[in-house]
Amino acid sequence: MTRIRFDHIAIGMSRIVDATEMLVGTLGGVPADGQASGVFRWGSWTFEGGGTIEILEPGLLATLQDLGRPGAASVGVSTSGALDRAALRTANRLVGNAEDAAAIEVTMGGFRATADADLWFAVTGAWGSIRLGAEEIDPYEAHHWPLGEELHLDWFGHGARAYLAVRGGLDGPATLGSRATDILAGLGPRPLRAGDPVSVRGGAVVPIPAAVVAPWGAPHDDEVDVELAPGPRGDWFAASAHRTLFEKQTSPCQVFFVTGRHRGGRSQT
C-alpha cells in the first residue's frame, strides 16, 4: 500500500493572485483590478466583450429595465425599474453581471432579436418556448449566442414578464443613474421597436457560474401570495375595502402591474 504524507508549506499571496488571474482569464471573467476583460474564452469559443443586438420584433412590449431609481422620491420620481426584480437579478447573475445591470423586460412574449457579435445570455421570469436559431433552449441557464443567430421568445404560457440579460449588461441613456424605461413618467429610453440596436456594455464582474442541475421550475399561475403594506392613502378606504383587499382572492389588473411598485421587499398599493 502506498502511503502519502502531506507537508505544510508557506505560500505567498502573489502566487495565489497569479493562479486566480490565470483561472479567471481562462473562464472569461475579470482581472484582479475588477475591470471587465475585453476578451472572453469559454471552451472552444473566444469572443470580445461589447457588440450589439438588433430588435426584429418587440412583441407586445419590450423595454430596457434595471433596478430603477431608488432615492429620488424627494424630487417626485418613483423607483420604477423591473417589475420582477428577483428574475432580473437572477438573469444577471447567470451571465456574470452585477445584479443591477440593465436587461430587456419582455411582456407576454413574441420577442425576436439577432446578435452582431458572439454573446452570452440568459432568460428568466415568465415561461414559454425559447428558440435560438432552430434549437429550443432552456430558461434560467446561460447560453452562447453566436453572431447572426436569431433569438425568439415565443408567447408565454406561464407568467407575464421575462428578462433577457446579456453578459456585460445592455446600454441605453441613463436618467438619474438608471437606464430603466418608466412609461408613466416618461423617463429613460422609449420602448423598443423593430430595427432598434441595443449596445452591449463591458460590465461583466465575474465569470459565468457553473450550471446547476434543474434548479428552477415554471411559475405557478394558479395562486400567488403577494405581501402588501398599506400605502400613504390607506385611510381613504373603508374597513370593508381593506377586508376585500387583504382577505379575499383577487385577479390583478393591468393598472396594478403598471403602478404597483416594490418597496423594501413589499408591494405598496
Protein backbone atom coordinates (compact mmCIF):
# COMPACT_ATOMS: atom_id res chain seq x y z
CA MET A 1 0.00 0.00 0.00
CA THR A 2 1.32 3.42 -0.94
CA ARG A 3 1.44 5.89 1.92
CA ILE A 4 1.15 9.67 1.32
CA ARG A 5 2.32 12.36 3.68
CA PHE A 6 1.23 16.00 3.28
CA ASP A 7 3.80 18.62 4.28
CA HIS A 8 2.70 22.12 5.21
CA ILE A 9 4.44 24.80 3.13
CA ALA A 10 4.18 28.56 3.15
CA ILE A 11 2.83 30.22 0.02
CA GLY A 12 2.93 33.91 -0.76
CA MET A 13 -0.14 35.91 -1.75
CA SER A 14 1.47 36.71 -5.10
CA ARG A 15 1.26 33.04 -6.12
CA ILE A 16 -2.40 32.88 -5.08
CA VAL A 17 -3.18 36.01 -7.12
CA ASP A 18 -1.29 34.64 -10.14
CA ALA A 19 -3.24 31.39 -10.02
CA THR A 20 -6.55 33.22 -9.60
CA GLU A 21 -5.85 35.52 -12.54
CA MET A 22 -4.99 32.54 -14.73
CA LEU A 23 -8.22 30.73 -13.82
CA VAL A 24 -10.44 33.80 -14.22
CA GLY A 25 -8.83 34.67 -17.55
CA THR A 26 -9.50 31.16 -18.85
CA LEU A 27 -13.16 31.26 -17.85
CA GLY A 28 -13.78 34.69 -19.29
CA GLY A 29 -14.00 36.77 -16.12
CA VAL A 30 -12.29 39.91 -14.90
CA PRO A 31 -8.68 40.63 -13.97
CA ALA A 32 -7.63 41.43 -10.42
CA ASP A 33 -8.30 45.17 -10.82
CA GLY A 34 -12.03 44.47 -11.11
CA GLN A 35 -12.39 45.83 -14.65
CA ALA A 36 -14.11 43.68 -17.24
CA SER A 37 -11.78 41.75 -19.50
CA GLY A 38 -12.02 42.66 -23.18
CA VAL A 39 -11.61 39.07 -24.45
CA PHE A 40 -13.55 36.12 -23.03
CA ARG A 41 -12.78 32.44 -23.56
CA TRP A 42 -15.14 29.60 -22.77
CA GLY A 43 -14.27 26.15 -24.00
CA SER A 44 -13.60 26.41 -27.74
CA TRP A 45 -15.24 29.86 -28.05
CA THR A 46 -13.30 33.10 -27.93
CA PHE A 47 -15.06 36.44 -28.28
CA GLU A 48 -14.65 40.08 -27.36
CA GLY A 49 -16.90 41.98 -25.00
CA GLY A 50 -19.33 44.56 -26.35
CA GLY A 51 -21.36 44.17 -29.53
CA THR A 52 -24.96 44.97 -30.41
CA ILE A 53 -28.24 43.12 -30.61
CA GLU A 54 -30.88 44.17 -33.13
CA ILE A 55 -34.57 44.01 -32.26
CA LEU A 56 -36.50 42.23 -35.01
CA GLU A 57 -39.85 42.14 -33.20
CA PRO A 58 -40.50 43.54 -29.68
CA GLY A 59 -43.71 41.59 -29.12
CA LEU A 60 -46.46 43.22 -27.08
CA LEU A 61 -43.98 45.38 -25.14
CA ALA A 62 -40.22 45.24 -24.64
CA THR A 63 -38.34 47.79 -22.54
CA LEU A 64 -34.90 48.29 -21.08
CA GLN A 65 -35.02 47.80 -17.31
CA ASP A 66 -32.68 47.71 -14.32
CA LEU A 67 -33.38 48.10 -10.60
CA GLY A 68 -34.73 51.60 -11.12
CA ARG A 69 -34.17 54.95 -9.41
CA PRO A 70 -34.31 54.47 -5.63
CA GLY A 71 -33.88 57.56 -3.51
CA ALA A 72 -35.42 60.01 -6.00
CA ALA A 73 -38.88 60.27 -4.43
CA SER A 74 -37.98 63.67 -2.95
CA VAL A 75 -37.93 65.09 -6.48
CA GLY A 76 -41.13 63.30 -7.48
CA VAL A 77 -39.57 60.28 -9.23
CA SER A 78 -40.66 56.76 -8.28
CA THR A 79 -38.27 53.83 -8.16
CA SER A 80 -39.78 52.18 -11.24
CA GLY A 81 -37.44 49.61 -12.84
CA ALA A 82 -38.05 45.91 -13.43
CA LEU A 83 -41.34 44.61 -12.10
CA ASP A 84 -39.93 41.17 -11.26
CA ARG A 85 -36.74 42.21 -9.54
CA ALA A 86 -35.82 38.68 -8.46
CA ALA A 87 -35.96 37.45 -12.07
CA LEU A 88 -33.80 40.36 -13.25
CA ARG A 89 -31.20 39.73 -10.55
CA THR A 90 -31.14 36.02 -11.37
CA ALA A 91 -30.71 36.62 -15.11
CA ASN A 92 -27.78 38.93 -14.44
CA ARG A 93 -26.12 36.51 -12.02
CA LEU A 94 -26.40 33.70 -14.57
CA VAL A 95 -24.23 35.63 -17.05
CA GLY A 96 -21.80 37.13 -14.51
CA ASN A 97 -23.24 40.66 -14.46
CA ALA A 98 -23.85 42.88 -11.47
CA GLU A 99 -27.43 42.34 -10.27
CA ASP A 100 -28.45 45.88 -11.25
CA ALA A 101 -27.25 45.66 -14.87
CA ALA A 102 -29.80 46.66 -17.50
CA ALA A 103 -31.66 43.91 -19.34
CA ILE A 104 -34.69 43.67 -21.62
CA GLU A 105 -38.07 43.14 -19.97
CA VAL A 106 -40.36 41.29 -22.39
CA THR A 107 -44.11 41.44 -21.70
CA MET A 108 -46.16 38.41 -22.76
CA GLY A 109 -43.58 37.21 -25.32
CA GLY A 110 -43.38 37.46 -29.10
CA PHE A 111 -39.84 38.88 -28.96
CA ARG A 112 -37.18 38.32 -31.64
CA ALA A 113 -33.63 39.66 -31.92
CA THR A 114 -30.26 38.90 -33.54
CA ALA A 115 -26.69 39.45 -32.34
CA ASP A 116 -23.91 41.12 -34.34
CA ALA A 117 -21.22 39.52 -32.15
CA ASP A 118 -20.75 36.32 -30.18
CA LEU A 119 -22.52 36.89 -26.86
CA TRP A 120 -23.75 35.07 -23.78
CA PHE A 121 -27.32 35.48 -22.49
CA ALA A 122 -29.91 34.11 -20.09
CA VAL A 123 -33.71 34.35 -19.95
CA THR A 124 -35.61 34.25 -16.66
CA GLY A 125 -39.07 35.11 -15.33
CA ALA A 126 -42.12 34.20 -17.43
CA TRP A 127 -42.10 30.76 -19.01
CA GLY A 128 -42.51 29.95 -22.69
CA SER A 129 -40.76 28.45 -25.68
CA ILE A 130 -37.29 29.94 -26.29
CA ARG A 131 -35.55 29.22 -29.57
CA LEU A 132 -32.03 30.10 -30.65
CA GLY A 133 -31.96 29.50 -34.38
CA ALA A 134 -33.66 26.14 -34.90
CA GLU A 135 -32.85 24.85 -31.40
CA GLU A 136 -35.18 25.11 -28.42
CA ILE A 137 -33.28 26.04 -25.26
CA ASP A 138 -33.97 26.22 -21.54
CA PRO A 139 -34.60 29.31 -19.43
CA TYR A 140 -32.60 30.04 -16.26
CA GLU A 141 -29.36 28.97 -17.92
CA ALA A 142 -26.52 30.83 -19.63
CA HIS A 143 -26.29 30.17 -23.37
CA HIS A 144 -23.84 31.11 -26.09
CA TRP A 145 -25.45 33.42 -28.69
CA PRO A 146 -23.49 33.13 -31.96
CA LEU A 147 -23.13 36.08 -34.31
CA GLY A 148 -26.12 36.40 -36.65
CA GLU A 149 -28.28 33.83 -34.84
CA GLU A 150 -31.91 34.74 -34.15
CA LEU A 151 -33.27 34.50 -30.61
CA HIS A 152 -37.04 34.04 -30.34
CA LEU A 153 -39.06 34.26 -27.11
CA ASP A 154 -42.46 32.86 -28.09
CA TRP A 155 -45.70 33.87 -26.36
CA PHE A 156 -45.54 32.90 -22.69
CA GLY A 157 -47.56 30.05 -21.25
CA HIS A 158 -46.83 30.97 -17.62
CA GLY A 159 -46.24 34.42 -16.19
CA ALA A 160 -46.28 37.80 -17.91
CA ARG A 161 -42.74 39.24 -17.94
CA ALA A 162 -39.42 37.66 -18.84
CA TYR A 163 -35.93 39.13 -18.65
CA LEU A 164 -33.23 38.82 -21.28
CA ALA A 165 -29.83 39.54 -19.75
CA VAL A 166 -26.70 39.69 -21.91
CA ARG A 167 -23.22 39.27 -20.47
CA GLY A 168 -21.76 42.75 -19.96
CA GLY A 169 -25.17 44.40 -19.49
CA LEU A 170 -27.19 46.40 -22.00
CA ASP A 171 -26.66 50.08 -22.67
CA GLY A 172 -29.04 52.99 -23.05
CA PRO A 173 -29.43 56.62 -21.99
CA ALA A 174 -29.26 56.95 -18.21
CA THR A 175 -31.57 59.25 -16.25
CA LEU A 176 -30.92 59.77 -12.53
CA GLY A 177 -28.44 56.90 -12.63
CA SER A 178 -30.79 54.36 -14.23
CA ARG A 179 -31.39 53.04 -17.74
CA ALA A 180 -34.89 51.84 -16.86
CA THR A 181 -37.84 52.78 -19.02
CA ASP A 182 -40.58 54.45 -16.96
CA ILE A 183 -43.52 54.79 -19.34
CA LEU A 184 -45.77 56.51 -16.80
CA ALA A 185 -43.24 59.26 -16.00
CA GLY A 186 -41.70 59.43 -19.47
CA LEU A 187 -38.18 58.76 -18.13
CA GLY A 188 -35.46 56.62 -19.63
CA PRO A 189 -35.33 55.14 -23.12
CA ARG A 190 -38.57 54.66 -25.05
CA PRO A 191 -39.99 51.14 -25.50
CA LEU A 192 -38.06 49.08 -28.03
CA ARG A 193 -39.17 48.90 -31.66
CA ALA A 194 -38.32 46.68 -34.60
CA GLY A 195 -34.97 47.74 -36.04
CA ASP A 196 -33.63 49.23 -32.80
CA PRO A 197 -29.99 48.41 -31.98
CA VAL A 198 -29.17 47.81 -28.32
CA SER A 199 -25.50 48.04 -27.38
CA VAL A 200 -23.83 45.60 -25.02
CA ARG A 201 -21.62 47.12 -22.35
CA GLY A 202 -18.42 45.63 -20.91
CA GLY A 203 -19.74 45.43 -17.38
CA ALA A 204 -19.42 41.74 -16.51
CA VAL A 205 -18.00 41.42 -13.00
CA VAL A 206 -17.45 37.67 -12.52
CA PRO A 207 -17.10 34.56 -14.70
CA ILE A 208 -20.24 32.80 -15.86
CA PRO A 209 -21.12 30.45 -12.99
CA ALA A 210 -21.26 26.69 -13.44
CA ALA A 211 -24.73 25.45 -14.36
CA VAL A 212 -26.84 23.90 -11.61
CA VAL A 213 -28.94 20.86 -12.49
CA ALA A 214 -32.63 21.85 -12.84
CA PRO A 215 -32.80 24.44 -10.04
CA TRP A 216 -35.87 26.20 -11.46
CA GLY A 217 -39.46 25.38 -12.33
CA ALA A 218 -42.24 27.10 -14.23
CA PRO A 219 -44.01 29.98 -12.44
CA HIS A 220 -47.18 28.98 -10.60
CA ASP A 221 -50.15 30.76 -12.12
CA ASP A 222 -52.88 29.12 -10.06
CA GLU A 223 -52.39 31.17 -6.88
CA VAL A 224 -49.74 33.69 -5.93
CA ASP A 225 -49.21 35.18 -2.46
CA VAL A 226 -48.28 38.87 -2.58
CA GLU A 227 -47.20 40.73 0.56
CA LEU A 228 -48.92 44.10 0.82
CA ALA A 229 -48.42 47.10 3.08
CA PRO A 230 -50.89 50.00 3.38
CA GLY A 231 -49.82 52.95 1.26
CA PRO A 232 -49.82 56.63 2.21
CA ARG A 233 -53.53 56.95 1.33
CA GLY A 234 -54.73 53.80 3.03
CA ASP A 235 -57.08 55.82 5.26
CA TRP A 236 -59.04 56.88 2.19
CA PHE A 237 -60.64 53.43 2.05
CA ALA A 238 -63.31 51.96 4.32
CA ALA A 239 -62.61 49.00 6.55
CA SER A 240 -64.72 46.80 4.25
CA ALA A 241 -62.44 47.70 1.33
CA HIS A 242 -59.38 46.65 3.36
CA ARG A 243 -61.03 43.31 4.13
CA THR A 244 -61.80 42.76 0.46
CA LEU A 245 -58.20 43.51 -0.49
CA PHE A 246 -56.41 41.56 2.23
CA GLU A 247 -58.77 38.65 2.91
CA LYS A 248 -60.16 37.62 -0.49
CA GLN A 249 -58.58 36.14 -3.57
CA THR A 250 -58.42 38.53 -6.49
CA SER A 251 -57.14 38.76 -10.04
CA PRO A 252 -54.58 41.50 -10.73
CA CYS A 253 -55.40 44.00 -13.46
CA GLN A 254 -53.07 45.90 -15.76
CA VAL A 255 -53.37 49.06 -13.65
CA PHE A 256 -51.85 47.26 -10.68
CA PHE A 257 -48.94 45.99 -12.73
CA VAL A 258 -48.19 49.48 -14.02
CA THR A 259 -48.49 51.40 -10.76
CA GLY A 260 -47.74 48.81 -8.07
CA ARG A 261 -44.08 49.02 -7.08
CA HIS A 262 -41.87 47.12 -4.68
CA ARG A 263 -40.78 48.97 -1.57
CA GLY A 264 -38.48 47.27 0.87
CA GLY A 265 -39.41 43.82 -0.42
CA ARG A 266 -43.14 44.53 -0.29
CA SER A 267 -45.66 45.83 -2.77
CA GLN A 268 -47.24 49.12 -1.83
CA THR A 269 -50.68 49.95 -3.17
